[in-house]
Amino acid sequence: MQQTQMCMIIAVLAALVAAVTGSFVTVVEGGRPTTAFKAGAFTFAGSLTLLILVMDALGVVGS
């Protein structure tokens, strides 16, 4: 498997871990399931975007 594909898979998995953590924290703080889902979705989108930008800046992904 190419290094770029492996890094993208790692980025997606890291974003999923951040999303699950965000949802868990929302539930622990007494939030409703819909609030936890929204928090997880926003966390996933934000962290995936940030990870891809950082990897692009480091030259791991991109042209």
Protein backbone atom coordinates (compact mmCIF):
# COMPACT_ATOMS: atom_id res chain seq x y z
CA MET A 1 0.00 0.00 0.00
CA GLN A 2 1.29 3.45 -0.82
CA GLN A 3 2.38 5.79 1.93
CA THR A 4 -0.17 8.45 0.94
CA GLN A 5 -3.05 6.00 1.21
CA MET A 6 -1.83 4.79 4.58
CA CYS A 7 -1.58 8.35 5.87
CA MET A 8 -5.09 9.15 4.66
CA ILE A 9 -6.44 6.05 6.42
CA ILE A 10 -4.64 7.09 9.60
CA ALA A 11 -6.10 10.60 9.29
CA VAL A 12 -9.64 9.28 8.92
CA LEU A 13 -9.20 6.93 11.87
CA ALA A 14 -7.78 9.72 14.03
CA ALA A 15 -10.72 11.94 13.09
CA LEU A 16 -13.13 9.15 14.02
CA VAL A 17 -11.44 8.76 17.41
CA ALA A 18 -11.78 12.51 17.98
CA ALA A 19 -15.46 12.36 17.00
CA VAL A 20 -16.19 9.46 19.35
CA THR A 21 -14.36 11.26 22.15
CA GLY A 22 -16.35 14.43 21.50
CA SER A 23 -19.62 12.50 21.56
CA PHE A 24 -18.64 10.68 24.75
CA VAL A 25 -17.77 13.93 26.51
CA THR A 26 -21.10 15.41 25.45
CA VAL A 27 -23.01 12.43 26.84
CA VAL A 28 -21.01 12.45 30.10
CA GLU A 29 -21.82 16.12 30.58
CA GLY A 30 -25.52 15.30 30.38
CA GLY A 31 -26.20 16.04 26.72
CA ARG A 32 -28.92 14.38 24.70
CA PRO A 33 -28.09 11.80 22.02
CA THR A 34 -28.88 14.26 19.21
CA THR A 35 -26.51 16.79 20.72
CA ALA A 36 -23.85 14.11 21.03
CA PHE A 37 -24.33 13.15 17.38
CA LYS A 38 -24.00 16.77 16.26
CA ALA A 39 -20.90 17.25 18.40
CA GLY A 40 -19.38 14.11 16.93
CA ALA A 41 -20.15 15.19 13.36
CA PHE A 42 -18.65 18.65 13.85
CA THR A 43 -15.60 17.21 15.58
CA PHE A 44 -15.09 14.67 12.78
CA ALA A 45 -15.33 17.31 10.04
CA GLY A 46 -13.05 19.74 11.84
CA SER A 47 -10.40 17.25 12.85
CA LEU A 48 -10.29 15.56 9.43
CA THR A 49 -9.86 18.93 7.73
CA LEU A 50 -7.14 19.92 10.18
CA LEU A 51 -5.30 16.61 9.80
CA ILE A 52 -5.34 16.82 6.01
CA LEU A 53 -4.09 20.41 6.09
CA VAL A 54 -1.26 19.50 8.46
CA MET A 55 -0.27 16.48 6.36
CA ASP A 56 -0.36 18.64 3.23
CA ALA A 57 1.86 21.23 4.92
CA LEU A 58 4.31 18.51 5.91
CA GLY A 59 4.34 17.18 2.36
CA VAL A 60 2.84 13.79 3.18
CA VAL A 61 -0.17 14.20 0.90
CA GLY A 62 -0.74 16.40 -2.11
CA SER A 63 1.26 16.92 -5.24
